[in-house]
Amino acid sequence: MNDLEILQPFGPSIAKVSIPKEIIDSMNNYVDEILKDNKKSEILDGGYKLAGNVTQEFRLEGDFMKKIKWIDFLALSVQDWLLKKTEKKIKKFDLIASWVVRQFKNEYNPIHFHGGHVSGVGYLKVPDNMGKTVQKDKKNRNGNLVLVHGSHQFLSKSIFTIQPKVGDFYFFPNYVMHTVYPFTDTEEERRSVSFNAYVDQDIVGIV
């Protein structure tokens, strides 16, 4: 993954990569087809297990993920990230689950963390305009992802804010707390995809 960028705004590192356009298109088409099938939408619904107060969250099917090489993309990106940070190559990438989040105006994802060892989120659709701030001259965080780790200290940030862009994917350790702010003034969908996975325990244990 030649475009992988390591970000370290606080203690744990974060990796940023670009999702290949063919995967974005395949995943959006897949989601749009599922939305036409109420029975399948209900079967794949994962909202009851997830933190979001959003319109819909559903699991991606294993066969579909293999077909579009989604698991390969995740595994290779994680391997590249951890190799650069630990100088060790993972031998195991066990995907626990990957799911799509469909968020619309006034909805949000409360602060939470994930299971497994590594997690991540990327963007399939982002509204052109996510609304204004109530007060003028305030930085607009509408629809942003916020990662939180530790507490604010001198020369040590505890908050990293990400403005979503289609195709951007961020990897982070499962324990990093995160939240998504609501947005307003649009009927457009904010569509993201996330995952949890296990990797080699001996690499996770490296300090």
N, C-alpha and C. Protein backbone atom coordinates (compact mmCIF):
# COMPACT_ATOMS: atom_id res chain seq x y z
N MET A 1 0.86 -1.18 0.00
CA MET A 1 0.00 0.00 0.00
C MET A 1 0.90 1.24 0.00
N ASN A 2 1.26 1.73 -1.17
CA ASN A 2 2.25 2.78 -1.28
C ASN A 2 1.78 4.11 -0.72
N ASP A 3 0.47 4.34 -0.62
CA ASP A 3 0.00 5.64 -0.17
C ASP A 3 -0.24 5.69 1.33
N LEU A 4 0.11 4.62 2.06
CA LEU A 4 -0.16 4.59 3.48
C LEU A 4 0.64 5.67 4.20
N GLU A 5 -0.08 6.44 5.03
CA GLU A 5 0.52 7.53 5.79
C GLU A 5 0.32 7.25 7.28
N ILE A 6 1.40 7.37 8.06
CA ILE A 6 1.31 7.16 9.49
C ILE A 6 1.06 8.50 10.18
N LEU A 7 0.00 8.57 10.98
CA LEU A 7 -0.33 9.76 11.74
C LEU A 7 -0.19 9.42 13.22
N GLN A 8 0.40 10.32 14.00
CA GLN A 8 0.53 10.07 15.42
C GLN A 8 0.25 11.37 16.19
N PRO A 9 -1.04 11.76 16.23
CA PRO A 9 -1.41 13.01 16.90
C PRO A 9 -1.33 12.91 18.42
N PHE A 10 -1.32 11.67 18.95
CA PHE A 10 -1.14 11.43 20.37
C PHE A 10 -0.49 10.07 20.52
N GLY A 11 -0.64 9.39 21.65
CA GLY A 11 0.08 8.15 21.92
C GLY A 11 0.04 7.11 20.82
N PRO A 12 -1.10 6.48 20.55
CA PRO A 12 -1.15 5.44 19.52
C PRO A 12 -1.08 6.02 18.12
N SER A 13 -0.48 5.27 17.21
CA SER A 13 -0.40 5.75 15.82
C SER A 13 -1.70 5.42 15.10
N ILE A 14 -1.94 6.17 14.04
CA ILE A 14 -3.10 5.99 13.18
C ILE A 14 -2.57 5.90 11.75
N ALA A 15 -3.14 5.04 10.95
CA ALA A 15 -2.73 4.93 9.55
C ALA A 15 -3.85 5.43 8.65
N LYS A 16 -3.46 6.15 7.62
CA LYS A 16 -4.44 6.66 6.65
C LYS A 16 -4.09 6.14 5.27
N VAL A 17 -5.08 5.56 4.58
CA VAL A 17 -4.88 5.06 3.23
C VAL A 17 -6.07 5.49 2.37
N SER A 18 -5.98 5.20 1.08
CA SER A 18 -7.08 5.48 0.16
C SER A 18 -7.74 4.18 -0.26
N ILE A 19 -9.04 4.12 -0.19
CA ILE A 19 -9.78 2.96 -0.66
C ILE A 19 -9.81 3.00 -2.19
N PRO A 20 -9.45 1.91 -2.86
CA PRO A 20 -9.51 1.89 -4.33
C PRO A 20 -10.92 2.22 -4.83
N LYS A 21 -10.99 2.99 -5.91
CA LYS A 21 -12.29 3.44 -6.42
C LYS A 21 -13.20 2.27 -6.77
N GLU A 22 -12.62 1.18 -7.29
CA GLU A 22 -13.48 0.04 -7.66
C GLU A 22 -14.14 -0.59 -6.44
N ILE A 23 -13.47 -0.54 -5.29
CA ILE A 23 -14.07 -1.07 -4.06
C ILE A 23 -15.17 -0.13 -3.58
N ILE A 24 -14.93 1.19 -3.64
CA ILE A 24 -15.96 2.16 -3.25
C ILE A 24 -17.21 1.96 -4.09
N ASP A 25 -17.04 1.87 -5.40
CA ASP A 25 -18.19 1.71 -6.30
C ASP A 25 -18.93 0.40 -6.03
N SER A 26 -18.18 -0.69 -5.86
CA SER A 26 -18.80 -1.99 -5.60
C SER A 26 -19.58 -1.98 -4.29
N MET A 27 -19.00 -1.34 -3.27
CA MET A 27 -19.66 -1.32 -1.97
C MET A 27 -20.91 -0.45 -1.98
N ASN A 28 -20.84 0.69 -2.65
CA ASN A 28 -22.03 1.54 -2.75
C ASN A 28 -23.14 0.86 -3.53
N ASN A 29 -22.79 0.17 -4.61
CA ASN A 29 -23.80 -0.56 -5.39
C ASN A 29 -24.41 -1.68 -4.57
N TYR A 30 -23.58 -2.36 -3.80
CA TYR A 30 -24.03 -3.44 -2.93
C TYR A 30 -25.03 -2.90 -1.90
N VAL A 31 -24.69 -1.79 -1.27
CA VAL A 31 -25.57 -1.19 -0.26
C VAL A 31 -26.89 -0.77 -0.90
N ASP A 32 -26.81 -0.12 -2.05
CA ASP A 32 -28.03 0.35 -2.72
C ASP A 32 -28.95 -0.81 -3.10
N GLU A 33 -28.37 -1.95 -3.49
CA GLU A 33 -29.18 -3.12 -3.82
C GLU A 33 -29.84 -3.70 -2.58
N ILE A 34 -29.11 -3.74 -1.47
CA ILE A 34 -29.67 -4.25 -0.22
C ILE A 34 -30.85 -3.40 0.23
N LEU A 35 -30.77 -2.08 0.01
CA LEU A 35 -31.84 -1.18 0.44
C LEU A 35 -33.15 -1.47 -0.29
N LYS A 36 -33.06 -2.14 -1.45
CA LYS A 36 -34.27 -2.49 -2.20
C LYS A 36 -34.92 -3.77 -1.67
N ASP A 37 -34.19 -4.48 -0.81
CA ASP A 37 -34.64 -5.78 -0.31
C ASP A 37 -34.84 -5.70 1.20
N ASN A 38 -36.09 -5.48 1.63
CA ASN A 38 -36.38 -5.29 3.05
C ASN A 38 -36.00 -6.51 3.89
N LYS A 39 -36.21 -7.70 3.34
CA LYS A 39 -35.90 -8.91 4.08
C LYS A 39 -34.41 -9.03 4.33
N LYS A 40 -33.63 -8.78 3.28
CA LYS A 40 -32.17 -8.88 3.41
C LYS A 40 -31.64 -7.79 4.33
N SER A 41 -32.21 -6.59 4.23
CA SER A 41 -31.80 -5.49 5.11
C SER A 41 -32.02 -5.87 6.56
N GLU A 42 -33.12 -6.55 6.82
CA GLU A 42 -33.43 -6.97 8.19
C GLU A 42 -32.48 -8.05 8.68
N ILE A 43 -32.16 -9.00 7.79
CA ILE A 43 -31.25 -10.10 8.15
C ILE A 43 -29.86 -9.57 8.49
N LEU A 44 -29.39 -8.60 7.71
CA LEU A 44 -28.03 -8.08 7.89
C LEU A 44 -27.94 -6.95 8.92
N ASP A 45 -29.08 -6.55 9.48
CA ASP A 45 -29.09 -5.46 10.45
C ASP A 45 -28.19 -5.77 11.64
N GLY A 46 -27.28 -4.84 11.94
CA GLY A 46 -26.39 -5.03 13.10
C GLY A 46 -26.50 -3.90 14.09
N GLY A 47 -27.48 -3.03 13.90
CA GLY A 47 -27.62 -1.86 14.74
C GLY A 47 -27.78 -2.16 16.22
N TYR A 48 -28.43 -3.28 16.53
CA TYR A 48 -28.66 -3.62 17.94
C TYR A 48 -27.36 -3.96 18.67
N LYS A 49 -26.29 -4.27 17.92
CA LYS A 49 -25.00 -4.59 18.52
C LYS A 49 -24.04 -3.41 18.53
N LEU A 50 -24.41 -2.35 17.81
CA LEU A 50 -23.49 -1.23 17.60
C LEU A 50 -23.95 0.02 18.35
N ALA A 51 -23.05 0.99 18.46
CA ALA A 51 -23.30 2.13 19.34
C ALA A 51 -24.14 3.24 18.70
N GLY A 52 -24.18 3.29 17.40
CA GLY A 52 -24.73 4.46 16.72
C GLY A 52 -26.22 4.71 16.91
N ASN A 53 -26.57 5.99 16.99
CA ASN A 53 -27.96 6.44 16.94
C ASN A 53 -28.18 6.98 15.53
N VAL A 54 -28.24 6.02 14.59
CA VAL A 54 -28.26 6.35 13.17
C VAL A 54 -29.36 5.56 12.47
N THR A 55 -29.61 5.92 11.22
CA THR A 55 -30.69 5.29 10.45
C THR A 55 -30.48 3.79 10.27
N GLN A 56 -29.28 3.38 9.92
CA GLN A 56 -29.06 1.96 9.62
C GLN A 56 -27.60 1.58 9.75
N GLU A 57 -27.35 0.40 10.31
CA GLU A 57 -26.03 -0.20 10.38
C GLU A 57 -26.19 -1.67 10.04
N PHE A 58 -25.49 -2.15 9.02
CA PHE A 58 -25.63 -3.56 8.69
C PHE A 58 -24.30 -4.19 8.30
N ARG A 59 -24.20 -5.48 8.59
CA ARG A 59 -22.98 -6.26 8.37
C ARG A 59 -22.78 -6.55 6.89
N LEU A 60 -21.52 -6.55 6.46
CA LEU A 60 -21.18 -6.95 5.10
C LEU A 60 -21.05 -8.47 5.06
N GLU A 61 -21.55 -9.08 4.02
CA GLU A 61 -21.49 -10.53 3.87
C GLU A 61 -20.10 -10.99 3.47
N GLY A 62 -19.69 -12.14 4.02
CA GLY A 62 -18.35 -12.68 3.77
C GLY A 62 -18.05 -12.89 2.31
N ASP A 63 -18.97 -13.48 1.57
CA ASP A 63 -18.73 -13.76 0.14
C ASP A 63 -18.53 -12.46 -0.64
N PHE A 64 -19.31 -11.46 -0.29
CA PHE A 64 -19.18 -10.17 -0.97
C PHE A 64 -17.83 -9.54 -0.67
N MET A 65 -17.42 -9.57 0.59
CA MET A 65 -16.13 -8.97 0.96
C MET A 65 -14.96 -9.65 0.24
N LYS A 66 -15.05 -10.98 0.09
CA LYS A 66 -14.01 -11.70 -0.63
C LYS A 66 -14.03 -11.34 -2.11
N LYS A 67 -15.22 -11.24 -2.68
CA LYS A 67 -15.37 -10.96 -4.10
C LYS A 67 -14.74 -9.63 -4.49
N ILE A 68 -14.92 -8.59 -3.69
CA ILE A 68 -14.38 -7.27 -4.03
C ILE A 68 -12.99 -7.04 -3.43
N LYS A 69 -12.46 -8.08 -2.78
CA LYS A 69 -11.12 -8.04 -2.17
C LYS A 69 -11.02 -7.00 -1.04
N TRP A 70 -12.13 -6.86 -0.32
CA TRP A 70 -12.16 -5.94 0.82
C TRP A 70 -11.28 -6.44 1.96
N ILE A 71 -11.36 -7.73 2.23
CA ILE A 71 -10.55 -8.30 3.31
C ILE A 71 -9.07 -8.18 2.96
N ASP A 72 -8.71 -8.39 1.70
CA ASP A 72 -7.32 -8.24 1.26
C ASP A 72 -6.84 -6.80 1.48
N PHE A 73 -7.69 -5.85 1.13
CA PHE A 73 -7.34 -4.44 1.31
C PHE A 73 -7.07 -4.14 2.78
N LEU A 74 -7.95 -4.60 3.66
CA LEU A 74 -7.78 -4.35 5.10
C LEU A 74 -6.52 -5.03 5.62
N ALA A 75 -6.34 -6.30 5.26
CA ALA A 75 -5.20 -7.08 5.77
C ALA A 75 -3.87 -6.49 5.33
N LEU A 76 -3.76 -6.13 4.05
CA LEU A 76 -2.51 -5.58 3.53
C LEU A 76 -2.20 -4.21 4.13
N SER A 77 -3.24 -3.41 4.33
CA SER A 77 -3.05 -2.09 4.93
C SER A 77 -2.58 -2.22 6.37
N VAL A 78 -3.23 -3.11 7.13
CA VAL A 78 -2.83 -3.32 8.52
C VAL A 78 -1.41 -3.87 8.59
N GLN A 79 -1.08 -4.79 7.69
CA GLN A 79 0.28 -5.35 7.66
C GLN A 79 1.31 -4.25 7.42
N ASP A 80 1.05 -3.38 6.48
CA ASP A 80 1.96 -2.28 6.17
C ASP A 80 2.11 -1.34 7.35
N TRP A 81 1.00 -0.98 7.98
CA TRP A 81 0.99 -0.09 9.14
C TRP A 81 1.81 -0.67 10.28
N LEU A 82 1.53 -1.92 10.65
CA LEU A 82 2.20 -2.52 11.80
C LEU A 82 3.67 -2.83 11.51
N LEU A 83 3.98 -3.13 10.26
CA LEU A 83 5.38 -3.36 9.89
C LEU A 83 6.19 -2.07 10.07
N LYS A 84 5.61 -0.96 9.65
CA LYS A 84 6.30 0.33 9.79
C LYS A 84 6.45 0.75 11.24
N LYS A 85 5.48 0.38 12.08
CA LYS A 85 5.52 0.81 13.47
C LYS A 85 6.26 -0.17 14.38
N THR A 86 6.25 -1.45 14.08
CA THR A 86 6.86 -2.45 14.98
C THR A 86 8.04 -3.18 14.36
N GLU A 87 8.22 -3.02 13.03
CA GLU A 87 9.25 -3.75 12.27
C GLU A 87 9.02 -5.26 12.33
N LYS A 88 7.78 -5.65 12.55
CA LYS A 88 7.41 -7.06 12.53
C LYS A 88 6.25 -7.27 11.57
N LYS A 89 6.30 -8.38 10.84
CA LYS A 89 5.26 -8.68 9.86
C LYS A 89 4.20 -9.58 10.48
N ILE A 90 2.94 -9.18 10.39
CA ILE A 90 1.88 -10.00 10.96
C ILE A 90 1.71 -11.29 10.15
N LYS A 91 1.39 -12.36 10.85
CA LYS A 91 1.11 -13.64 10.21
C LYS A 91 -0.39 -13.94 10.21
N LYS A 92 -1.10 -13.16 11.02
CA LYS A 92 -2.53 -13.42 11.19
C LYS A 92 -3.32 -12.13 11.03
N PHE A 93 -4.42 -12.21 10.27
CA PHE A 93 -5.40 -11.14 10.21
C PHE A 93 -6.76 -11.81 10.22
N ASP A 94 -7.40 -11.83 11.36
CA ASP A 94 -8.71 -12.49 11.51
C ASP A 94 -9.79 -11.43 11.62
N LEU A 95 -10.54 -11.26 10.54
CA LEU A 95 -11.62 -10.27 10.53
C LEU A 95 -12.76 -10.73 11.43
N ILE A 96 -13.15 -9.91 12.36
CA ILE A 96 -14.30 -10.21 13.22
C ILE A 96 -15.58 -9.83 12.50
N ALA A 97 -15.61 -8.61 11.99
CA ALA A 97 -16.78 -8.12 11.26
C ALA A 97 -16.44 -6.83 10.55
N SER A 98 -17.20 -6.53 9.50
CA SER A 98 -17.12 -5.25 8.82
C SER A 98 -18.55 -4.82 8.53
N TRP A 99 -18.83 -3.55 8.70
CA TRP A 99 -20.22 -3.10 8.60
C TRP A 99 -20.29 -1.68 8.03
N VAL A 100 -21.45 -1.36 7.49
CA VAL A 100 -21.72 -0.05 6.90
C VAL A 100 -22.62 0.74 7.84
N VAL A 101 -22.33 2.04 7.98
CA VAL A 101 -23.14 2.93 8.79
C VAL A 101 -23.76 3.99 7.88
N ARG A 102 -25.09 4.08 7.91
CA ARG A 102 -25.82 5.08 7.13
C ARG A 102 -26.34 6.14 8.09
N GLN A 103 -25.77 7.34 8.02
CA GLN A 103 -26.11 8.42 8.93
C GLN A 103 -26.73 9.58 8.16
N PHE A 104 -27.80 10.14 8.74
CA PHE A 104 -28.47 11.29 8.14
C PHE A 104 -28.53 12.44 9.15
N LYS A 105 -29.09 13.56 8.74
CA LYS A 105 -29.04 14.77 9.57
C LYS A 105 -29.61 14.53 10.97
N ASN A 106 -28.97 15.16 11.94
CA ASN A 106 -29.32 15.13 13.36
C ASN A 106 -28.99 13.80 14.04
N GLU A 107 -28.43 12.84 13.32
CA GLU A 107 -28.04 11.57 13.92
C GLU A 107 -26.57 11.64 14.34
N TYR A 108 -26.17 10.70 15.20
CA TYR A 108 -24.80 10.75 15.72
C TYR A 108 -24.36 9.37 16.17
N ASN A 109 -23.06 9.25 16.42
CA ASN A 109 -22.49 8.03 16.98
C ASN A 109 -21.83 8.42 18.30
N PRO A 110 -22.32 7.94 19.44
CA PRO A 110 -21.77 8.35 20.73
C PRO A 110 -20.35 7.82 20.93
N ILE A 111 -19.64 8.37 21.87
CA ILE A 111 -18.27 7.95 22.11
C ILE A 111 -18.24 6.49 22.53
N HIS A 112 -17.32 5.73 21.92
CA HIS A 112 -17.27 4.29 22.16
C HIS A 112 -15.92 3.76 21.69
N PHE A 113 -15.66 2.49 21.93
CA PHE A 113 -14.46 1.83 21.40
C PHE A 113 -14.89 0.50 20.80
N HIS A 114 -13.97 -0.20 20.16
CA HIS A 114 -14.29 -1.44 19.45
C HIS A 114 -13.65 -2.66 20.10
N GLY A 115 -14.02 -3.83 19.60
CA GLY A 115 -13.41 -5.08 20.04
C GLY A 115 -12.23 -5.44 19.14
N GLY A 116 -11.63 -6.59 19.42
CA GLY A 116 -10.49 -7.04 18.61
C GLY A 116 -9.20 -6.35 18.99
N HIS A 117 -8.29 -6.24 18.03
CA HIS A 117 -7.02 -5.55 18.23
C HIS A 117 -6.93 -4.27 17.41
N VAL A 118 -7.41 -4.34 16.16
CA VAL A 118 -7.34 -3.18 15.26
C VAL A 118 -8.71 -2.89 14.68
N SER A 119 -8.95 -1.62 14.42
CA SER A 119 -10.22 -1.17 13.89
C SER A 119 -9.98 -0.09 12.85
N GLY A 120 -11.05 0.38 12.24
CA GLY A 120 -10.88 1.46 11.27
C GLY A 120 -12.21 1.91 10.71
N VAL A 121 -12.16 3.03 10.01
CA VAL A 121 -13.36 3.58 9.37
C VAL A 121 -12.95 4.32 8.10
N GLY A 122 -13.79 4.17 7.07
CA GLY A 122 -13.57 4.87 5.82
C GLY A 122 -14.88 5.38 5.26
N TYR A 123 -14.80 6.15 4.19
CA TYR A 123 -15.98 6.89 3.73
C TYR A 123 -16.37 6.54 2.30
N LEU A 124 -17.67 6.22 2.15
CA LEU A 124 -18.22 5.83 0.85
C LEU A 124 -19.07 6.94 0.24
N LYS A 125 -19.73 7.74 1.10
CA LYS A 125 -20.51 8.89 0.65
C LYS A 125 -20.42 9.97 1.73
N VAL A 126 -20.28 11.22 1.31
CA VAL A 126 -20.22 12.34 2.25
C VAL A 126 -21.05 13.49 1.68
N PRO A 127 -21.97 14.07 2.46
CA PRO A 127 -22.76 15.20 1.97
C PRO A 127 -21.87 16.37 1.55
N ASP A 128 -22.30 17.09 0.52
CA ASP A 128 -21.54 18.26 0.06
C ASP A 128 -21.52 19.35 1.12
N ASN A 129 -22.63 19.47 1.86
CA ASN A 129 -22.73 20.50 2.88
C ASN A 129 -23.38 19.89 4.11
N MET A 130 -22.70 19.94 5.25
CA MET A 130 -23.24 19.33 6.46
C MET A 130 -23.77 20.36 7.45
N GLY A 131 -24.08 21.56 6.94
CA GLY A 131 -24.74 22.56 7.77
C GLY A 131 -23.79 23.53 8.43
N LYS A 132 -24.38 24.55 9.05
CA LYS A 132 -23.63 25.62 9.69
C LYS A 132 -23.60 25.43 11.20
N THR A 133 -22.71 26.17 11.84
CA THR A 133 -22.68 26.19 13.30
C THR A 133 -23.74 27.16 13.80
N VAL A 134 -24.25 26.95 15.00
CA VAL A 134 -25.26 27.82 15.58
C VAL A 134 -24.68 29.21 15.82
N GLN A 135 -23.47 29.26 16.36
CA GLN A 135 -22.79 30.52 16.61
C GLN A 135 -21.82 30.81 15.47
N LYS A 136 -21.74 32.06 15.07
CA LYS A 136 -20.80 32.44 14.00
C LYS A 136 -19.37 32.32 14.48
N ASP A 137 -18.48 32.12 13.52
CA ASP A 137 -17.03 32.09 13.78
C ASP A 137 -16.59 30.88 14.62
N LYS A 138 -17.44 29.87 14.76
CA LYS A 138 -17.04 28.64 15.41
C LYS A 138 -16.56 27.66 14.35
N LYS A 139 -15.52 26.88 14.68
CA LYS A 139 -15.04 25.89 13.73
C LYS A 139 -16.13 24.84 13.52
N ASN A 140 -16.43 24.53 12.27
CA ASN A 140 -17.52 23.61 11.97
C ASN A 140 -17.06 22.16 12.04
N ARG A 141 -17.58 21.41 13.03
CA ARG A 141 -17.23 20.01 13.20
C ARG A 141 -18.37 19.08 12.76
N ASN A 142 -19.39 19.62 12.13
CA ASN A 142 -20.55 18.82 11.74
C ASN A 142 -20.14 17.59 10.93
N GLY A 143 -20.58 16.40 11.37
CA GLY A 143 -20.30 15.17 10.65
C GLY A 143 -18.89 14.65 10.78
N ASN A 144 -18.06 15.33 11.59
CA ASN A 144 -16.66 14.90 11.75
C ASN A 144 -16.53 13.69 12.66
N LEU A 145 -15.46 12.91 12.42
CA LEU A 145 -15.05 11.83 13.31
C LEU A 145 -14.03 12.41 14.29
N VAL A 146 -14.18 12.09 15.57
CA VAL A 146 -13.24 12.57 16.58
C VAL A 146 -12.66 11.37 17.32
N LEU A 147 -11.33 11.25 17.31
CA LEU A 147 -10.63 10.21 18.07
C LEU A 147 -10.12 10.83 19.36
N VAL A 148 -10.27 10.08 20.47
CA VAL A 148 -9.89 10.60 21.78
C VAL A 148 -9.00 9.59 22.48
N HIS A 149 -7.88 10.08 23.04
CA HIS A 149 -6.99 9.19 23.79
C HIS A 149 -6.31 9.97 24.91
N GLY A 150 -6.43 9.47 26.14
CA GLY A 150 -5.79 10.12 27.27
C GLY A 150 -6.43 11.45 27.61
N SER A 151 -5.68 12.30 28.30
CA SER A 151 -6.16 13.61 28.69
C SER A 151 -5.20 14.68 28.17
N HIS A 152 -5.70 15.87 28.03
CA HIS A 152 -4.89 16.96 27.50
C HIS A 152 -3.77 17.32 28.47
N GLN A 153 -2.56 17.38 27.93
CA GLN A 153 -1.40 17.77 28.71
C GLN A 153 -0.52 18.68 27.86
N PHE A 154 0.44 19.32 28.50
CA PHE A 154 1.37 20.17 27.79
C PHE A 154 2.10 19.36 26.71
N LEU A 155 2.05 19.84 25.48
CA LEU A 155 2.67 19.20 24.32
C LEU A 155 2.14 17.80 24.03
N SER A 156 0.94 17.53 24.49
CA SER A 156 0.35 16.21 24.26
C SER A 156 -1.14 16.36 23.97
N LYS A 157 -1.50 16.19 22.71
CA LYS A 157 -2.91 16.29 22.33
C LYS A 157 -3.67 15.04 22.76
N SER A 158 -4.94 15.20 23.02
CA SER A 158 -5.78 14.05 23.36
C SER A 158 -6.94 13.89 22.38
N ILE A 159 -7.11 14.83 21.47
CA ILE A 159 -8.22 14.81 20.52
C ILE A 159 -7.68 15.00 19.09
N PHE A 160 -8.15 14.15 18.19
CA PHE A 160 -7.79 14.26 16.78
C PHE A 160 -9.07 14.26 15.97
N THR A 161 -9.34 15.35 15.25
CA THR A 161 -10.58 15.51 14.50
C THR A 161 -10.35 15.26 13.03
N ILE A 162 -11.22 14.45 12.43
CA ILE A 162 -11.09 14.06 11.03
C ILE A 162 -12.33 14.50 10.25
N GLN A 163 -12.10 15.27 9.21
CA GLN A 163 -13.19 15.63 8.31
C GLN A 163 -13.31 14.54 7.25
N PRO A 164 -14.46 13.87 7.17
CA PRO A 164 -14.58 12.74 6.24
C PRO A 164 -14.52 13.16 4.78
N LYS A 165 -13.81 12.37 4.00
CA LYS A 165 -13.74 12.55 2.55
C LYS A 165 -13.88 11.18 1.90
N VAL A 166 -14.64 11.11 0.84
CA VAL A 166 -14.85 9.84 0.15
C VAL A 166 -13.51 9.23 -0.25
N GLY A 167 -13.33 7.97 0.13
CA GLY A 167 -12.10 7.25 -0.22
C GLY A 167 -11.07 7.21 0.88
N ASP A 168 -11.15 8.11 1.85
CA ASP A 168 -10.19 8.09 2.96
C ASP A 168 -10.55 6.97 3.94
N PHE A 169 -9.54 6.23 4.38
CA PHE A 169 -9.75 5.18 5.37
C PHE A 169 -8.69 5.33 6.46
N TYR A 170 -9.12 5.28 7.72
CA TYR A 170 -8.24 5.44 8.87
C TYR A 170 -8.24 4.16 9.71
N PHE A 171 -7.04 3.70 10.07
CA PHE A 171 -6.87 2.53 10.93
C PHE A 171 -6.38 3.01 12.30
N PHE A 172 -6.88 2.38 13.37
CA PHE A 172 -6.44 2.74 14.71
C PHE A 172 -6.59 1.54 15.64
N PRO A 173 -5.88 1.54 16.78
CA PRO A 173 -6.04 0.44 17.74
C PRO A 173 -7.48 0.41 18.25
N ASN A 174 -7.97 -0.78 18.56
CA ASN A 174 -9.38 -0.94 18.94
C ASN A 174 -9.79 -0.11 20.15
N TYR A 175 -8.84 0.15 21.06
CA TYR A 175 -9.18 0.82 22.32
C TYR A 175 -9.33 2.33 22.20
N VAL A 176 -8.98 2.91 21.04
CA VAL A 176 -9.09 4.36 20.89
C VAL A 176 -10.57 4.77 20.88
N MET A 177 -10.93 5.62 21.82
CA MET A 177 -12.31 6.11 21.90
C MET A 177 -12.59 7.03 20.71
N HIS A 178 -13.82 6.98 20.20
CA HIS A 178 -14.16 7.85 19.09
C HIS A 178 -15.66 8.12 19.04
N THR A 179 -16.00 9.18 18.36
CA THR A 179 -17.39 9.60 18.24
C THR A 179 -17.59 10.31 16.90
N VAL A 180 -18.83 10.38 16.45
CA VAL A 180 -19.16 11.11 15.22
C VAL A 180 -20.22 12.15 15.55
N TYR A 181 -19.93 13.40 15.23
CA TYR A 181 -20.88 14.48 15.49
C TYR A 181 -22.04 14.45 14.49
N PRO A 182 -23.19 14.95 14.90
CA PRO A 182 -24.31 15.06 13.96
C PRO A 182 -24.08 16.19 12.96
N PHE A 183 -24.89 16.22 11.92
CA PHE A 183 -24.84 17.31 10.95
C PHE A 183 -26.26 17.75 10.64
N THR A 184 -26.43 18.85 9.92
CA THR A 184 -27.75 19.44 9.69
C THR A 184 -27.88 19.91 8.24
N ASP A 185 -29.06 20.44 7.93
CA ASP A 185 -29.30 21.19 6.69
C ASP A 185 -29.09 20.42 5.39
N THR A 186 -29.25 19.11 5.42
CA THR A 186 -29.12 18.34 4.18
C THR A 186 -29.91 17.05 4.31
N GLU A 187 -30.39 16.55 3.18
CA GLU A 187 -31.06 15.25 3.16
C GLU A 187 -30.11 14.18 2.65
N GLU A 188 -28.86 14.55 2.39
CA GLU A 188 -27.88 13.60 1.87
C GLU A 188 -27.39 12.64 2.95
N GLU A 189 -26.89 11.51 2.51
CA GLU A 189 -26.40 10.46 3.40
C GLU A 189 -24.89 10.56 3.63
N ARG A 190 -24.50 10.34 4.86
CA ARG A 190 -23.08 10.15 5.20
C ARG A 190 -22.91 8.65 5.38
N ARG A 191 -22.18 8.00 4.47
CA ARG A 191 -22.07 6.54 4.48
C ARG A 191 -20.61 6.14 4.75
N SER A 192 -20.42 5.35 5.80
CA SER A 192 -19.06 4.92 6.16
C SER A 192 -19.02 3.41 6.31
N VAL A 193 -17.80 2.88 6.33
CA VAL A 193 -17.60 1.44 6.51
C VAL A 193 -16.53 1.25 7.57
N SER A 194 -16.76 0.31 8.50
CA SER A 194 -15.84 0.05 9.60
C SER A 194 -15.53 -1.43 9.71
N PHE A 195 -14.57 -1.77 10.56
CA PHE A 195 -14.23 -3.17 10.78
C PHE A 195 -13.56 -3.34 12.14
N ASN A 196 -13.52 -4.58 12.61
CA ASN A 196 -12.72 -5.01 13.76
C ASN A 196 -11.97 -6.28 13.34
N ALA A 197 -10.75 -6.45 13.84
CA ALA A 197 -9.99 -7.66 13.51
C ALA A 197 -8.96 -7.96 14.60
N TYR A 198 -8.56 -9.23 14.63
CA TYR A 198 -7.46 -9.67 15.49
C TYR A 198 -6.20 -9.84 14.64
N VAL A 199 -5.04 -9.54 15.24
CA VAL A 199 -3.76 -9.83 14.62
C VAL A 199 -2.93 -10.64 15.61
N ASP A 200 -1.66 -10.89 15.29
CA ASP A 200 -0.80 -11.71 16.15
C ASP A 200 -0.68 -11.13 17.56
N GLN A 201 -0.92 -11.95 18.55
CA GLN A 201 -0.86 -11.51 19.93
C GLN A 201 0.53 -11.01 20.32
N ASP A 202 1.59 -11.64 19.79
CA ASP A 202 2.94 -11.23 20.18
C ASP A 202 3.28 -9.84 19.65
N ILE A 203 2.65 -9.42 18.52
CA ILE A 203 2.86 -8.08 18.01
C ILE A 203 2.06 -7.07 18.82
N VAL A 204 0.85 -7.44 19.19
CA VAL A 204 0.02 -6.57 20.02
C VAL A 204 0.69 -6.30 21.37
N GLY A 205 1.42 -7.28 21.85
CA GLY A 205 2.06 -7.17 23.15
C GLY A 205 3.33 -6.34 23.16
N ILE A 206 3.82 -5.93 21.97
CA ILE A 206 5.05 -5.14 21.90
C ILE A 206 4.80 -3.74 22.46
N VAL A 207 5.66 -3.27 23.33
CA VAL A 207 5.51 -1.94 23.91
C VAL A 207 6.31 -0.94 23.08
